[in-house]
């Protein structure tokens, strides 16, 4: 696959560059450039990112960083069994457990929530940092819901991290998952409260908590500048107006 000339491979993290030092220099550069493309495209064009990851894998399948990148690219296109294989290989090569939560989520994707839940109780979880432990809790709650245990999912998400007023990178997603779990068991008022808390913490727009909150409040946001929109009370400044929805 073509790679833009301005991509040199120097853009990758230092730790990855160190892993690639085991390769001949020209090969290391080629692999690095493919990994840069994977990282750039993973969120915006998962199929192309997957293509570049396979190219890197053909060049250097014995490098842990390459197997990890291939895992994330496979995960991004829903190839969960393939992703799990790559993550297992990366873990074996590097000895790191940081991929444990996403490996468990791959088990969910394959249709094995029981295995994902079992992984949440294994010793590797204690080796994770706080972000990894929260991620593992989210995966475990998802597995509970997959297994038809929505009440257990609610309990799984109840934790010191959820109760904390401190806003961390995982806070919005954890609060959102809890709100969604509450809604699934019919606790709508509590769900509304937690969607509001999630929206408050979500400065980066990683969730649609605001939309879910508006939906619970029966609000629909209509663009007053849209000629096809049904706007009863148009704002003189042309701003979007929330309105009640029957």
Protein backbone atom coordinates (compact mmCIF):
# COMPACT_ATOMS: atom_id res chain seq x y z
CA UNK A 1 0.00 0.00 0.00
CA UNK A 2 1.34 3.48 -0.87
CA UNK A 3 2.70 5.62 1.94
CA UNK A 4 3.04 9.41 1.61
CA UNK A 5 6.63 10.59 1.16
CA UNK A 6 6.41 12.84 4.22
CA UNK A 7 5.94 9.79 6.47
CA UNK A 8 9.48 8.88 7.52
CA UNK A 9 8.87 6.43 10.36
CA UNK A 10 10.49 8.75 12.88
CA UNK A 11 6.99 9.66 14.08
CA UNK A 12 6.57 6.46 16.08
CA UNK A 13 7.19 6.25 19.83
CA UNK A 14 10.71 5.77 21.09
CA UNK A 15 9.81 2.43 22.69
CA UNK A 16 8.62 1.09 19.33
CA UNK A 17 11.77 2.37 17.62
CA UNK A 18 13.83 0.45 20.15
CA UNK A 19 11.93 -2.75 19.34
CA UNK A 20 12.58 -2.22 15.64
CA UNK A 21 16.33 -1.89 16.21
CA UNK A 22 16.55 -5.69 16.04
CA UNK A 23 15.74 -5.41 12.31
CA UNK A 24 18.02 -4.36 9.43
CA UNK A 25 17.86 -0.58 9.10
CA UNK A 26 15.99 -0.42 5.77
CA UNK A 27 13.46 -3.01 6.92
CA UNK A 28 13.00 -1.17 10.23
CA UNK A 29 12.18 2.04 8.35
CA UNK A 30 9.63 0.27 6.15
CA UNK A 31 7.94 -1.29 9.16
CA UNK A 32 7.94 1.99 11.06
CA UNK A 33 6.30 3.85 8.17
CA UNK A 34 3.53 1.25 8.00
CA UNK A 35 2.99 1.52 11.75
CA UNK A 36 2.70 5.29 11.47
CA UNK A 37 -0.05 4.84 8.90
CA UNK A 38 -1.87 2.38 11.17
CA UNK A 39 -1.82 4.89 14.02
CA UNK A 40 -2.99 7.75 11.78
CA UNK A 41 -5.87 5.87 10.20
CA UNK A 42 -7.11 3.66 13.03
CA UNK A 43 -9.93 6.01 14.09
CA UNK A 44 -10.86 7.53 10.72
CA UNK A 45 -10.39 4.69 8.22
CA UNK A 46 -10.16 1.34 9.98
CA UNK A 47 -10.07 -0.70 6.77
CA UNK A 48 -7.02 1.11 5.45
CA UNK A 49 -5.36 0.94 8.86
CA UNK A 50 -5.93 -2.81 8.75
CA UNK A 51 -4.23 -3.00 5.36
CA UNK A 52 -1.13 -1.20 6.60
CA UNK A 53 -1.03 -3.41 9.69
CA UNK A 54 -0.99 -6.52 7.53
CA UNK A 55 1.88 -5.06 5.51
CA UNK A 56 3.86 -4.44 8.71
CA UNK A 57 3.02 -7.95 9.90
CA UNK A 58 4.36 -9.51 6.71
CA UNK A 59 7.61 -7.61 7.20
CA UNK A 60 8.18 -8.15 10.93
CA UNK A 61 5.88 -10.67 12.58
CA UNK A 62 8.38 -11.33 15.39
CA UNK A 63 8.22 -7.79 16.77
CA UNK A 64 5.80 -7.31 19.66
CA UNK A 65 4.82 -3.75 18.68
CA UNK A 66 3.89 -4.96 15.20
CA UNK A 67 1.68 -7.73 16.60
CA UNK A 68 0.02 -5.25 18.95
CA UNK A 69 -0.67 -2.78 16.12
CA UNK A 70 -2.07 -5.61 14.02
CA UNK A 71 -4.31 -6.55 16.94
CA UNK A 72 -5.74 -3.07 17.28
CA UNK A 73 -6.30 -2.83 13.53
CA UNK A 74 -8.09 -6.19 13.47
CA UNK A 75 -10.18 -5.13 16.47
CA UNK A 76 -11.09 -1.91 14.65
CA UNK A 77 -12.65 -3.84 11.75
CA UNK A 78 -14.41 -6.36 13.98
CA UNK A 79 -12.08 -9.29 13.35
CA UNK A 80 -12.05 -10.26 17.02
CA UNK A 81 -10.61 -13.78 16.73
CA UNK A 82 -7.75 -12.43 14.63
CA UNK A 83 -7.22 -9.54 17.04
CA UNK A 84 -7.09 -11.93 19.99
CA UNK A 85 -4.41 -14.00 18.26
CA UNK A 86 -2.29 -10.91 17.68
CA UNK A 87 -2.74 -9.59 21.22
CA UNK A 88 -1.78 -12.97 22.67
CA UNK A 89 1.35 -12.98 20.55
CA UNK A 90 2.25 -9.45 21.64
CA UNK A 91 1.74 -10.35 25.30
CA UNK A 92 3.90 -13.43 24.91
CA UNK A 93 6.69 -11.43 23.25
CA UNK A 94 6.70 -8.46 25.61
CA UNK A 95 5.51 -9.97 28.89
CA UNK A 96 3.23 -6.95 29.42
CA UNK A 97 -0.34 -7.36 30.68
CA UNK A 98 -1.66 -3.97 29.48
CA UNK A 99 -3.60 -5.69 26.67
CA UNK A 100 -5.54 -7.92 29.08
CA UNK A 101 -8.80 -5.87 29.03
CA UNK A 102 -8.98 -5.65 25.26
CA UNK A 103 -8.17 -9.36 25.00
CA UNK A 104 -11.16 -9.99 27.27
CA UNK A 105 -13.31 -7.75 25.09
CA UNK A 106 -12.23 -9.78 22.06
CA UNK A 107 -13.59 -12.84 23.87
CA UNK A 108 -16.91 -10.99 24.11
CA UNK A 109 -16.73 -10.19 20.41
CA UNK A 110 -16.20 -13.84 19.57
CA UNK A 111 -19.27 -14.71 21.66
CA UNK A 112 -17.54 -15.98 24.79
CA UNK A 113 -18.62 -13.58 27.54
CA UNK A 114 -18.06 -16.29 30.17
CA UNK A 115 -14.37 -16.34 29.24
CA UNK A 116 -14.19 -12.54 29.40
CA UNK A 117 -15.72 -12.61 32.86
CA UNK A 118 -13.27 -15.27 34.00
CA UNK A 119 -10.38 -13.11 32.80
CA UNK A 120 -11.64 -10.29 35.05
CA UNK A 121 -10.83 -12.45 38.05
CA UNK A 122 -7.38 -13.61 37.01
CA UNK A 123 -4.07 -12.40 38.55
CA UNK A 124 -3.16 -10.28 35.53
CA UNK A 125 -5.80 -7.73 36.53
CA UNK A 126 -3.89 -6.87 39.69
CA UNK A 127 -0.89 -5.95 37.56
CA UNK A 128 -2.84 -3.40 35.52
CA UNK A 129 -2.62 0.32 36.23
CA UNK A 130 -5.73 2.16 37.37
CA UNK A 131 -6.89 2.90 33.81
CA UNK A 132 -6.50 -0.76 32.89
CA UNK A 133 -8.44 -1.90 35.94
CA UNK A 134 -11.31 0.45 35.10
CA UNK A 135 -11.27 -0.83 31.52
CA UNK A 136 -11.42 -4.40 32.83
CA UNK A 137 -14.43 -3.48 34.97
CA UNK A 138 -16.19 -2.05 31.90
CA UNK A 139 -15.52 -5.23 29.94
CA UNK A 140 -16.75 -7.40 32.83
CA UNK A 141 -19.97 -5.39 33.08
CA UNK A 142 -20.48 -5.77 29.35
CA UNK A 143 -19.97 -9.51 29.68
CA UNK A 144 -22.62 -9.64 32.41
CA UNK A 145 -25.09 -7.92 30.08
CA UNK A 146 -24.14 -10.30 27.25
CA UNK A 147 -25.03 -13.16 29.59
CA UNK A 148 -28.45 -11.68 30.41
CA UNK A 149 -27.44 -10.44 33.86
CA UNK A 150 -28.19 -6.68 33.74
CA UNK A 151 -28.51 -6.29 37.52
CA UNK A 152 -25.08 -7.88 37.98
CA UNK A 153 -23.70 -5.43 35.42
CA UNK A 154 -24.90 -2.53 37.58
CA UNK A 155 -23.19 -4.00 40.64
CA UNK A 156 -19.98 -4.68 38.69
CA UNK A 157 -19.64 -0.99 37.80
CA UNK A 158 -20.09 0.22 41.36
CA UNK A 159 -16.58 1.07 42.52
CA UNK A 160 -14.45 3.75 44.22
CA UNK A 161 -13.61 5.12 40.76
CA UNK A 162 -17.31 5.59 39.99
CA UNK A 163 -17.98 7.27 43.34
CA UNK A 164 -15.00 9.61 43.05
CA UNK A 165 -15.65 13.26 42.19
CA UNK A 166 -12.21 13.47 40.58
CA UNK A 167 -12.33 13.54 36.76
CA UNK A 168 -9.89 11.13 35.14
CA UNK A 169 -9.51 10.05 31.49
CA UNK A 170 -11.83 7.11 32.13
CA UNK A 171 -14.46 8.96 34.20
CA UNK A 172 -16.90 9.84 31.41
CA UNK A 173 -16.95 6.32 29.97
CA UNK A 174 -17.38 4.71 33.39
CA UNK A 175 -20.25 7.02 34.34
CA UNK A 176 -21.84 6.52 30.93
CA UNK A 177 -21.64 2.72 31.21
CA UNK A 178 -23.22 2.89 34.66
CA UNK A 179 -26.04 5.13 33.40
CA UNK A 180 -26.70 2.77 30.51
CA UNK A 181 -26.72 -0.23 32.85
CA UNK A 182 -29.18 1.53 35.17
CA UNK A 183 -31.44 2.30 32.23
CA UNK A 184 -31.36 -1.35 31.18
CA UNK A 185 -32.85 -2.37 34.53
CA UNK A 186 -35.52 0.33 34.48
CA UNK A 187 -33.94 2.77 36.94
CA UNK A 188 -34.56 5.76 34.68
CA UNK A 189 -34.21 8.59 37.19
CA UNK A 190 -30.86 7.32 38.40
CA UNK A 191 -29.79 6.74 34.80
CA UNK A 192 -30.61 10.36 33.98
CA UNK A 193 -28.49 11.53 36.92
CA UNK A 194 -25.50 9.50 35.77
CA UNK A 195 -25.82 10.49 32.11
CA UNK A 196 -25.68 14.08 33.36
CA UNK A 197 -22.55 13.29 35.38
CA UNK A 198 -21.02 11.59 32.35
CA UNK A 199 -21.75 14.60 30.15
CA UNK A 200 -20.19 16.90 32.74
CA UNK A 201 -16.98 14.85 32.74
CA UNK A 202 -16.87 14.32 28.97
CA UNK A 203 -14.85 17.30 27.79
CA UNK A 204 -13.46 15.44 24.78
CA UNK A 205 -16.77 14.20 23.37
CA UNK A 206 -15.93 10.53 23.78
CA UNK A 207 -19.54 9.60 24.57
CA UNK A 208 -23.01 10.70 23.46
CA UNK A 209 -24.06 11.30 27.07
CA UNK A 210 -25.57 14.71 26.25
CA UNK A 211 -27.74 13.18 23.54
CA UNK A 212 -28.86 10.37 25.82
CA UNK A 213 -29.71 12.89 28.52
CA UNK A 214 -31.75 14.99 26.09
CA UNK A 215 -33.54 11.86 24.91
CA UNK A 216 -34.54 11.00 28.47
CA UNK A 217 -35.77 14.57 28.96
CA UNK A 218 -37.85 14.30 25.79
CA UNK A 219 -35.92 17.03 23.99
CA UNK A 220 -35.14 17.24 20.31
CA UNK A 221 -32.60 19.77 19.03
CA UNK A 222 -33.65 21.37 15.78
CA UNK A 223 -31.44 23.54 13.58
CA UNK A 224 -33.37 26.79 13.13
CA UNK A 225 -31.43 27.54 9.93
CA UNK A 226 -32.61 24.33 8.27
CA UNK A 227 -35.46 25.28 5.88
CA UNK A 228 -36.91 21.79 6.20
CA UNK A 229 -36.98 21.86 10.00
CA UNK A 230 -40.29 22.24 11.78
CA UNK A 231 -39.55 25.14 14.10
CA UNK A 232 -42.45 26.73 15.93
CA UNK A 233 -40.63 29.38 17.95
CA UNK A 234 -37.65 30.58 15.99
CA UNK A 235 -34.87 32.32 17.90
CA UNK A 236 -34.04 35.78 16.52
CA UNK A 237 -30.31 35.02 16.61
CA UNK A 238 -30.73 31.83 14.60
CA UNK A 239 -29.51 29.56 17.39
CA UNK A 240 -30.64 25.96 17.72
CA UNK A 241 -33.76 25.67 19.89
CA UNK A 242 -34.59 22.70 22.06
CA UNK A 243 -38.25 21.78 22.00
CA UNK A 244 -40.47 19.29 23.75
CA UNK A 245 -41.15 16.08 21.91
CA UNK A 246 -44.49 14.34 22.30
